[in-house]
Amino acid sequence: MKREAGFRIGTPSVGWVTYLSAGRAARTPDDALPDRRELPTGGVLLTIASPGDTASVVKAYQVLRDSGALAPLPHPMTRPAL
């Protein structure tokens, strides 16, 4: 799965269920990941796939990565959030 999705060590990634902070959630396309639950913190909880469904996880990772929602934080840290 890592090779197919282009996962890199040290960068944000997703799983079958994924939490995104408010800043990351603001960058997600609403229509691409419809099973989302808004949280009181401003973040979202995404139910991406059933356990074992790696193809859907890879697809969601690529959508989120391309939208900028998984952009890594700067090193050294110049701010606490995306």
Protein backbone atom coordinates (compact mmCIF):
# COMPACT_ATOMS: atom_id res chain seq x y z
CA MET A 1 0.00 0.00 0.00
CA LYS A 2 2.83 2.43 0.80
CA ARG A 3 4.37 2.09 -2.64
CA GLU A 4 1.03 2.46 -4.48
CA ALA A 5 0.08 5.61 -2.59
CA GLY A 6 3.48 7.24 -2.50
CA PHE A 7 3.60 7.35 1.33
CA ARG A 8 6.80 8.84 2.71
CA ILE A 9 8.10 8.50 6.25
CA GLY A 10 7.49 11.64 8.27
CA THR A 11 4.56 12.96 6.24
CA PRO A 12 0.90 12.84 7.30
CA SER A 13 -1.06 9.87 6.02
CA VAL A 14 -4.52 8.31 6.37
CA GLY A 15 -6.06 5.01 7.35
CA TRP A 16 -9.49 3.44 7.36
CA VAL A 17 -10.65 6.14 9.78
CA THR A 18 -8.80 9.45 9.83
CA TYR A 19 -8.91 12.60 11.94
CA LEU A 20 -8.02 15.92 10.31
CA SER A 21 -7.51 19.11 12.29
CA ALA A 22 -9.54 22.19 11.40
CA GLY A 23 -6.75 23.61 9.22
CA ARG A 24 -6.35 20.37 7.29
CA ALA A 25 -10.11 19.84 7.08
CA ALA A 26 -10.53 23.26 5.47
CA ARG A 27 -8.43 22.02 2.54
CA THR A 28 -10.43 18.84 1.91
CA PRO A 29 -12.84 18.64 -1.00
CA ASP A 30 -16.31 18.04 0.49
CA ASP A 31 -17.56 15.90 -2.38
CA ALA A 32 -14.55 13.58 -2.58
CA LEU A 33 -14.92 12.12 0.94
CA PRO A 34 -18.64 12.19 1.77
CA ASP A 35 -18.52 10.13 4.99
CA ARG A 36 -17.26 12.90 7.27
CA ARG A 37 -18.29 13.90 10.76
CA GLU A 38 -17.74 17.49 11.83
CA LEU A 39 -16.31 17.69 15.36
CA PRO A 40 -16.68 20.48 17.95
CA THR A 41 -12.96 21.24 17.59
CA GLY A 42 -13.46 22.26 13.96
CA GLY A 43 -11.74 19.13 12.74
CA VAL A 44 -13.38 16.21 10.97
CA LEU A 45 -13.45 12.47 11.37
CA LEU A 46 -13.40 10.70 8.02
CA THR A 47 -14.55 7.12 7.62
CA ILE A 48 -12.63 6.19 4.52
CA ALA A 49 -13.03 2.43 4.15
CA SER A 50 -13.67 -0.86 5.89
CA PRO A 51 -10.62 -2.57 7.37
CA GLY A 52 -8.77 -4.39 4.62
CA ASP A 53 -9.97 -2.09 1.81
CA THR A 54 -6.56 -0.67 0.96
CA ALA A 55 -7.55 0.54 -2.51
CA SER A 56 -10.01 3.06 -1.01
CA VAL A 57 -7.42 4.21 1.53
CA VAL A 58 -4.87 4.78 -1.23
CA LYS A 59 -7.41 6.73 -3.30
CA ALA A 60 -8.38 8.91 -0.30
CA TYR A 61 -4.71 9.53 0.52
CA GLN A 62 -4.07 10.71 -3.03
CA VAL A 63 -7.13 13.02 -2.99
CA LEU A 64 -6.14 14.52 0.37
CA ARG A 65 -2.49 14.85 -0.61
CA ASP A 66 -3.38 16.58 -3.88
CA SER A 67 -5.74 18.99 -2.08
CA GLY A 68 -2.95 20.07 0.28
CA ALA A 69 -4.68 18.63 3.37
CA LEU A 70 -1.69 16.39 4.09
CA ALA A 71 1.02 19.00 3.58
CA PRO A 72 3.77 18.48 6.15
CA LEU A 73 4.36 21.12 8.79
CA PRO A 74 7.54 23.15 8.31
CA HIS A 75 10.81 22.04 9.89
CA PRO A 76 11.85 23.67 12.10
CA MET A 77 8.34 24.41 13.34
CA THR A 78 7.38 28.01 12.73
CA ARG A 79 3.72 27.49 13.63
CA PRO A 80 1.76 24.91 15.64
CA ALA A 81 -0.77 23.95 12.97
CA LEU A 82 -1.37 23.85 9.22
